[in-house]
N, C-alpha and C. Protein backbone atom coordinates (compact mmCIF):
# COMPACT_ATOMS: atom_id res chain seq x y z
N UNK A 1 -25.03 7.48 26.31
CA UNK A 1 -26.35 7.92 26.12
C UNK A 1 -26.33 6.66 24.88
N UNK A 2 -25.14 7.03 24.32
CA UNK A 2 -25.10 6.26 22.79
C UNK A 2 -24.40 4.92 22.67
N UNK A 3 -25.41 3.75 22.20
CA UNK A 3 -24.87 2.56 22.42
C UNK A 3 -23.79 2.20 20.98
N UNK A 4 -23.95 3.06 20.20
CA UNK A 4 -23.37 3.14 18.62
C UNK A 4 -22.85 4.11 17.68
N UNK A 5 -21.95 3.90 17.18
CA UNK A 5 -21.83 5.13 16.31
C UNK A 5 -21.73 3.97 14.94
N UNK A 6 -22.57 4.36 13.43
CA UNK A 6 -21.84 4.04 12.25
C UNK A 6 -21.76 4.57 10.92
N UNK A 7 -20.83 4.53 10.42
CA UNK A 7 -20.58 5.12 9.09
C UNK A 7 -19.99 3.92 8.32
N UNK A 8 -20.99 4.74 6.75
CA UNK A 8 -20.56 4.05 6.03
C UNK A 8 -19.11 4.23 5.31
N UNK A 9 -18.79 2.89 4.43
CA UNK A 9 -17.66 3.01 3.74
C UNK A 9 -17.51 2.29 2.65
N UNK A 10 -16.81 3.34 1.06
CA UNK A 10 -16.88 2.76 0.27
C UNK A 10 -15.11 1.99 0.16
N UNK A 11 -14.53 1.90 0.34
CA UNK A 11 -13.58 1.03 0.51
C UNK A 11 -13.05 0.17 1.70
N UNK A 12 -13.99 -0.69 2.42
CA UNK A 12 -13.80 -0.85 3.73
C UNK A 12 -12.54 -1.33 4.08
N UNK A 13 -11.41 -1.93 3.01
CA UNK A 13 -10.50 -2.32 4.08
C UNK A 13 -9.29 -1.27 4.23
N UNK A 14 -9.47 -0.15 3.04
CA UNK A 14 -9.15 1.14 3.53
C UNK A 14 -8.96 2.06 4.72
N UNK A 15 -10.72 2.21 4.72
CA UNK A 15 -11.30 2.47 6.08
C UNK A 15 -10.50 1.62 7.09
N UNK A 16 -10.80 0.30 7.23
CA UNK A 16 -10.40 -0.23 9.02
C UNK A 16 -9.34 -0.03 9.16
N UNK A 17 -7.93 0.45 7.85
CA UNK A 17 -6.46 0.69 8.55
C UNK A 17 -6.24 1.66 8.76
N UNK A 18 -7.37 3.03 7.93
CA UNK A 18 -7.74 4.35 8.78
C UNK A 18 -8.11 4.04 10.19
N UNK A 19 -8.99 3.60 10.27
CA UNK A 19 -9.66 3.22 12.16
C UNK A 19 -8.78 2.55 12.77
N UNK A 20 -8.06 1.54 12.07
CA UNK A 20 -7.34 0.40 12.73
C UNK A 20 -6.66 2.17 13.89
N UNK A 21 -5.00 2.59 13.04
CA UNK A 21 -4.56 3.61 13.17
C UNK A 21 -4.81 4.40 14.39
N UNK A 22 -6.10 5.28 13.78
CA UNK A 22 -6.51 6.65 14.71
C UNK A 22 -7.10 6.44 16.14
N UNK A 23 -8.45 5.30 16.16
CA UNK A 23 -9.04 4.16 17.42
C UNK A 23 -7.58 3.54 18.24
N UNK A 24 -6.60 3.12 17.21
CA UNK A 24 -5.74 2.67 18.09
C UNK A 24 -5.07 3.46 19.15
N UNK A 25 -4.53 4.76 18.86
CA UNK A 25 -3.95 5.65 19.31
C UNK A 25 -5.33 5.96 21.05
N UNK A 26 -6.31 5.80 20.36
CA UNK A 26 -7.40 6.34 22.07
C UNK A 26 -7.36 4.68 22.56
N UNK A 27 -6.63 3.52 22.34
CA UNK A 27 -7.59 2.21 22.99
C UNK A 27 -7.43 1.47 22.30
N UNK A 28 -8.34 1.54 21.04
CA UNK A 28 -9.12 0.89 20.61
C UNK A 28 -8.26 -0.47 20.49
N UNK A 29 -8.09 -1.27 19.89
CA UNK A 29 -8.12 -2.66 19.48
C UNK A 29 -8.56 -2.82 18.16
N UNK A 30 -7.33 -3.88 17.42
CA UNK A 30 -8.09 -3.38 15.68
C UNK A 30 -9.36 -3.42 15.88
N UNK A 31 -10.40 -3.25 14.58
CA UNK A 31 -11.57 -3.82 14.41
C UNK A 31 -11.63 -5.36 13.96
N UNK A 32 -13.40 -6.06 14.65
CA UNK A 32 -13.42 -6.81 15.01
C UNK A 32 -14.49 -7.35 13.63
N UNK A 33 -13.83 -7.98 12.23
CA UNK A 33 -14.88 -8.18 11.37
C UNK A 33 -16.28 -9.26 11.69
N UNK A 34 -17.20 -8.55 11.12
CA UNK A 34 -18.33 -8.89 11.08
C UNK A 34 -19.22 -9.01 9.79
N UNK A 35 -19.96 -9.82 9.44
CA UNK A 35 -20.40 -10.37 7.98
C UNK A 35 -21.86 -10.60 8.38
N UNK A 36 -22.64 -9.64 7.97
CA UNK A 36 -23.98 -9.03 8.10
C UNK A 36 -24.94 -9.96 7.15
N UNK A 37 -25.93 -11.01 7.53
CA UNK A 37 -26.93 -12.01 6.69
C UNK A 37 -26.80 -11.85 5.04
N UNK A 38 -26.25 -10.37 4.23
CA UNK A 38 -26.48 -9.79 3.28
C UNK A 38 -25.42 -9.73 2.77
N UNK A 39 -24.18 -10.70 3.58
CA UNK A 39 -22.59 -10.84 2.87
C UNK A 39 -22.14 -9.68 2.69
N UNK A 40 -22.19 -8.23 3.61
CA UNK A 40 -21.93 -7.12 3.79
C UNK A 40 -20.85 -7.20 4.74
N UNK A 41 -19.72 -6.47 4.69
CA UNK A 41 -18.66 -6.30 6.07
C UNK A 41 -18.69 -5.32 6.68
N UNK A 42 -18.55 -5.25 8.30
CA UNK A 42 -18.68 -4.87 8.94
C UNK A 42 -17.23 -5.24 10.06
N UNK A 43 -17.04 -3.48 10.27
CA UNK A 43 -15.61 -3.68 11.72
C UNK A 43 -16.20 -2.74 12.33
N UNK A 44 -16.03 -3.90 13.76
CA UNK A 44 -16.56 -2.71 14.94
C UNK A 44 -14.96 -2.98 15.82
N UNK A 45 -15.35 -1.51 16.79
CA UNK A 45 -14.58 -1.24 17.61
C UNK A 45 -15.31 -1.47 19.22
N UNK A 46 -14.81 -1.20 20.19
CA UNK A 46 -15.21 -1.10 21.38
C UNK A 46 -14.25 -0.97 22.05
N UNK A 47 -14.99 0.44 23.18
CA UNK A 47 -13.92 1.10 23.89
C UNK A 47 -15.24 1.83 24.82
N UNK A 48 -14.64 1.19 26.14
CA UNK A 48 -16.05 1.68 27.72
C UNK A 48 -17.35 1.65 27.11
N UNK A 49 -17.47 0.61 27.03
CA UNK A 49 -19.44 0.07 26.52
C UNK A 49 -19.70 0.75 25.31
N UNK A 50 -18.54 1.54 24.52
CA UNK A 50 -19.23 1.98 22.79
C UNK A 50 -18.88 1.33 22.16
N UNK A 51 -19.87 1.05 21.25
CA UNK A 51 -19.48 0.53 19.74
C UNK A 51 -19.35 1.47 18.86
N UNK A 52 -17.84 1.65 17.67
CA UNK A 52 -18.17 2.38 16.82
C UNK A 52 -18.39 1.40 15.66
N UNK A 53 -18.87 1.23 14.33
CA UNK A 53 -18.34 0.45 13.49
C UNK A 53 -18.30 1.28 12.23
N UNK A 54 -17.50 0.18 11.11
CA UNK A 54 -17.64 1.02 9.85
C UNK A 54 -18.45 0.00 9.03
N UNK A 55 -18.67 0.10 7.79
CA UNK A 55 -19.89 -0.91 6.72
C UNK A 55 -19.93 -0.62 5.79
N UNK A 56 -19.97 -1.69 4.66
CA UNK A 56 -20.29 -1.25 3.53
C UNK A 56 -21.79 -1.18 3.35
N UNK A 57 -22.21 -0.08 2.84
CA UNK A 57 -23.77 -0.02 2.95
C UNK A 57 -24.40 -1.31 2.11
N UNK A 58 -25.44 -1.47 2.79
CA UNK A 58 -26.39 -2.85 2.66
C UNK A 58 -26.80 -2.77 1.28
N UNK A 59 -27.18 -1.97 1.39
CA UNK A 59 -28.00 -0.91 -0.38
C UNK A 59 -26.95 -1.19 -1.80
N UNK A 60 -26.03 -1.56 -1.28
CA UNK A 60 -24.92 -1.53 -2.61
C UNK A 60 -25.13 0.03 -3.28
N UNK A 61 -25.41 1.16 -2.77
CA UNK A 61 -24.77 2.62 -3.03
C UNK A 61 -23.61 2.68 -2.11
N UNK A 62 -23.25 3.94 -2.86
CA UNK A 62 -21.99 4.50 -2.37
C UNK A 62 -22.39 4.80 -0.92
N UNK A 63 -21.38 5.07 -0.19
CA UNK A 63 -21.37 5.15 1.25
C UNK A 63 -21.37 6.67 1.03
N UNK A 64 -21.92 7.75 2.08
CA UNK A 64 -21.56 9.18 1.56
C UNK A 64 -21.73 9.61 3.16
N UNK A 65 -20.85 10.68 3.61
CA UNK A 65 -20.84 11.63 4.46
C UNK A 65 -22.40 12.57 4.91
N UNK A 66 -22.38 12.85 5.47
CA UNK A 66 -23.51 14.32 5.85
C UNK A 66 -22.84 15.46 6.17
N UNK A 67 -23.25 16.72 5.41
CA UNK A 67 -22.55 17.52 5.59
C UNK A 67 -23.17 18.30 6.84
N UNK A 68 -22.55 18.83 7.51
CA UNK A 68 -22.22 19.59 9.00
C UNK A 68 -22.25 18.59 10.21
N UNK A 69 -22.37 16.94 9.54
CA UNK A 69 -22.20 15.87 10.72
C UNK A 69 -20.48 15.84 10.92
N UNK A 70 -20.29 15.52 12.61
CA UNK A 70 -18.89 15.71 12.88
C UNK A 70 -19.39 14.31 13.75
N UNK A 71 -17.99 13.06 13.66
CA UNK A 71 -18.03 12.66 14.71
C UNK A 71 -16.66 12.79 15.18
N UNK A 72 -16.99 12.94 17.05
CA UNK A 72 -15.78 13.20 17.97
C UNK A 72 -15.78 12.25 19.02
N UNK A 73 -14.22 12.26 19.07
CA UNK A 73 -13.81 11.52 19.71
C UNK A 73 -13.15 11.96 21.06
N UNK A 74 -13.31 11.24 22.56
CA UNK A 74 -12.51 12.16 23.51
C UNK A 74 -11.29 11.75 23.55
N UNK A 75 -9.91 12.66 23.30
CA UNK A 75 -8.34 12.41 24.00
C UNK A 75 -8.04 12.84 25.47
N UNK A 76 -7.47 12.42 25.87
CA UNK A 76 -7.39 12.32 26.74
C UNK A 76 -6.46 13.77 27.53
N UNK A 77 -5.94 14.27 26.62
CA UNK A 77 -4.97 15.78 26.52
C UNK A 77 -4.26 16.02 24.72
N UNK A 78 -4.35 17.01 25.11
CA UNK A 78 -3.53 17.83 23.43
C UNK A 78 -2.64 16.71 22.75
N UNK A 79 -1.59 15.95 23.63
CA UNK A 79 -0.84 15.28 22.60
C UNK A 79 -1.55 13.90 22.17
N UNK A 80 -2.52 13.32 22.85
CA UNK A 80 -3.40 12.37 21.94
C UNK A 80 -3.92 13.09 21.02
N UNK A 81 -4.64 14.17 20.69
CA UNK A 81 -5.58 14.63 20.19
C UNK A 81 -4.04 14.80 18.93
N UNK A 82 -3.20 15.25 19.10
CA UNK A 82 -2.28 15.09 17.88
C UNK A 82 -1.37 13.83 17.15
N UNK A 83 -1.43 12.78 18.01
CA UNK A 83 -0.95 11.94 18.00
C UNK A 83 -2.10 11.17 17.05
N UNK A 84 -3.73 11.20 17.01
CA UNK A 84 -4.63 11.02 16.71
C UNK A 84 -4.70 11.41 15.19
N UNK A 85 -4.39 12.53 15.08
CA UNK A 85 -4.71 13.57 13.76
C UNK A 85 -3.42 12.74 12.86
N UNK A 86 -2.31 12.99 13.64
CA UNK A 86 -1.19 12.40 12.60
C UNK A 86 -1.56 10.86 11.95
N UNK A 87 -1.55 10.35 13.02
CA UNK A 87 -2.16 8.57 12.56
C UNK A 87 -2.95 8.68 11.35
N UNK A 88 -4.24 9.60 11.82
CA UNK A 88 -5.29 9.64 10.25
C UNK A 88 -4.50 9.88 9.17
N UNK A 89 -3.74 11.05 9.31
CA UNK A 89 -3.16 11.81 8.21
C UNK A 89 -2.23 10.39 7.37
N UNK A 90 -1.36 9.75 8.57
CA UNK A 90 -0.80 9.07 8.00
C UNK A 90 -1.19 7.28 7.23
N UNK A 91 -2.38 7.89 7.56
CA UNK A 91 -3.14 5.91 6.99
C UNK A 91 -4.20 6.67 6.26
N UNK A 92 -4.28 7.29 5.36
CA UNK A 92 -5.39 7.49 4.50
C UNK A 92 -6.46 8.71 4.96
N UNK A 93 -6.33 9.25 6.13
CA UNK A 93 -7.42 10.76 5.87
C UNK A 93 -6.88 11.89 5.15
N UNK A 94 -7.15 13.01 5.69
CA UNK A 94 -7.08 14.25 4.94
C UNK A 94 -7.42 15.03 6.19
N UNK A 95 -6.85 15.88 6.65
CA UNK A 95 -6.92 16.99 7.34
C UNK A 95 -8.12 17.83 6.89
N UNK A 96 -8.89 18.53 8.08
CA UNK A 96 -9.81 19.58 7.08
C UNK A 96 -10.25 20.47 8.64
N UNK A 97 -10.89 21.34 8.65
CA UNK A 97 -11.29 22.32 9.32
C UNK A 97 -9.27 23.35 9.89
N UNK A 98 -9.46 23.74 10.95
CA UNK A 98 -8.00 24.22 11.34
C UNK A 98 -7.23 23.66 11.77
N UNK A 99 -6.13 23.70 11.67
CA UNK A 99 -4.33 22.87 12.12
C UNK A 99 -5.30 22.61 13.22
N UNK A 100 -4.69 21.32 14.27
CA UNK A 100 -4.88 20.80 15.55
C UNK A 100 -4.78 21.86 16.56
N UNK A 101 -5.14 22.68 17.48
CA UNK A 101 -5.32 23.47 18.33
C UNK A 101 -6.20 23.48 19.31
N UNK A 102 -6.18 24.52 20.44
CA UNK A 102 -6.93 25.63 21.35
C UNK A 102 -7.76 26.21 20.41
N UNK A 103 -9.23 25.92 20.57
CA UNK A 103 -10.42 27.28 20.29
C UNK A 103 -11.24 27.28 21.47
N UNK A 104 -11.56 28.58 21.42
CA UNK A 104 -12.41 28.91 22.70
C UNK A 104 -13.71 29.99 22.16
N UNK A 105 -14.30 30.13 23.23
CA UNK A 105 -15.67 30.60 22.58
C UNK A 105 -16.61 30.14 23.92
N UNK A 106 -17.34 31.33 24.31
CA UNK A 106 -18.63 31.10 25.05
C UNK A 106 -18.27 30.52 26.71
N UNK A 107 -16.87 31.08 27.10
CA UNK A 107 -16.46 30.98 28.23
C UNK A 107 -15.38 29.34 28.27
N UNK A 108 -15.50 28.80 27.01
CA UNK A 108 -15.02 27.13 26.72
C UNK A 108 -14.01 27.32 26.28
N UNK A 109 -12.83 26.34 26.26
CA UNK A 109 -11.51 25.98 25.64
C UNK A 109 -11.56 24.30 25.70
N UNK A 110 -11.09 24.23 24.29
CA UNK A 110 -11.15 22.72 23.49
C UNK A 110 -9.71 23.06 23.17
N UNK A 111 -9.39 21.55 23.01
CA UNK A 111 -8.05 21.31 21.83
C UNK A 111 -8.99 20.34 21.04
N UNK A 112 -8.73 20.59 19.52
CA UNK A 112 -9.43 20.54 18.50
C UNK A 112 -8.69 20.07 17.37
N UNK A 113 -8.81 18.29 17.10
CA UNK A 113 -8.32 17.96 15.89
C UNK A 113 -9.29 16.94 14.85
N UNK A 114 -8.88 18.15 13.67
CA UNK A 114 -10.70 16.97 12.36
C UNK A 114 -9.49 16.67 11.32
N UNK A 115 -10.25 15.55 11.31
CA UNK A 115 -9.92 14.83 9.87
C UNK A 115 -10.97 13.97 9.27
N UNK A 116 -11.07 14.31 7.97
CA UNK A 116 -11.83 13.47 7.03
C UNK A 116 -11.16 11.79 7.01
N UNK A 117 -12.11 10.61 7.33
CA UNK A 117 -11.45 9.42 6.78
C UNK A 117 -11.58 9.22 5.42
N UNK A 118 -11.35 8.16 5.29
CA UNK A 118 -11.24 7.83 3.61
C UNK A 118 -12.57 7.66 2.64
N UNK A 119 -13.79 7.57 3.26
CA UNK A 119 -15.05 7.62 2.60
C UNK A 119 -15.95 9.05 2.89
N UNK A 120 -14.56 10.14 3.36
CA UNK A 120 -15.03 11.10 3.91
C UNK A 120 -16.03 12.01 5.08
N UNK A 121 -16.38 11.03 5.81
CA UNK A 121 -16.36 11.17 7.18
C UNK A 121 -15.86 12.38 7.66
N UNK A 122 -16.22 13.27 8.51
CA UNK A 122 -15.84 14.56 8.82
C UNK A 122 -15.85 13.66 10.76
N UNK A 123 -14.14 13.55 11.14
CA UNK A 123 -13.98 13.48 12.29
C UNK A 123 -13.00 14.90 13.57
N UNK A 124 -13.38 14.48 14.79
CA UNK A 124 -12.92 15.35 15.95
C UNK A 124 -11.97 14.44 16.86
N UNK A 125 -11.42 14.74 16.94
CA UNK A 125 -10.26 14.19 18.26
C UNK A 125 -10.67 15.52 19.03
N UNK A 126 -10.91 15.54 20.24
CA UNK A 126 -11.53 16.71 21.37
C UNK A 126 -10.90 16.46 22.79
N UNK A 127 -10.34 17.79 22.88
CA UNK A 127 -9.82 17.21 24.36
C UNK A 127 -10.71 19.04 25.39
N UNK A 128 -11.08 18.48 26.44
CA UNK A 128 -11.66 19.22 27.02
C UNK A 128 -10.63 19.88 28.21
N UNK A 129 -10.39 21.19 27.75
CA UNK A 129 -9.69 22.19 28.31
C UNK A 129 -10.15 22.72 29.87
N UNK A 130 -11.24 22.81 30.08
CA UNK A 130 -12.18 23.38 30.87
C UNK A 130 -11.83 23.05 32.29
N UNK A 131 -11.23 21.32 32.11
CA UNK A 131 -11.71 21.22 33.63
C UNK A 131 -9.85 20.61 34.44
């Protein structure tokens, strides 16, 4: 369904460090630098035919996050979600929501771990415990 997801970064190098660590836990190689025609930097991450990007805003305004927005990354198991969360905390992210752990509702059970990246974007590592 998705071809890519891109978030803005106020400090592109701090964000690269953060995403190299958290996405590395999920099996991604470090971000690949791309400079667009306006001279703004972007780092691209590739996994399973999907691309995730961090970018300096091309309008030269501050990057901002959407209230109520979350980007979810699949984790193979709860241990991977915990490692993802720890990597994020150790590389400039901050925890948000409840601590990592199982959540149940409407007959479903997931293991969730939430972080905010250095620019405030809300992220979640999720493992489906229903299958």
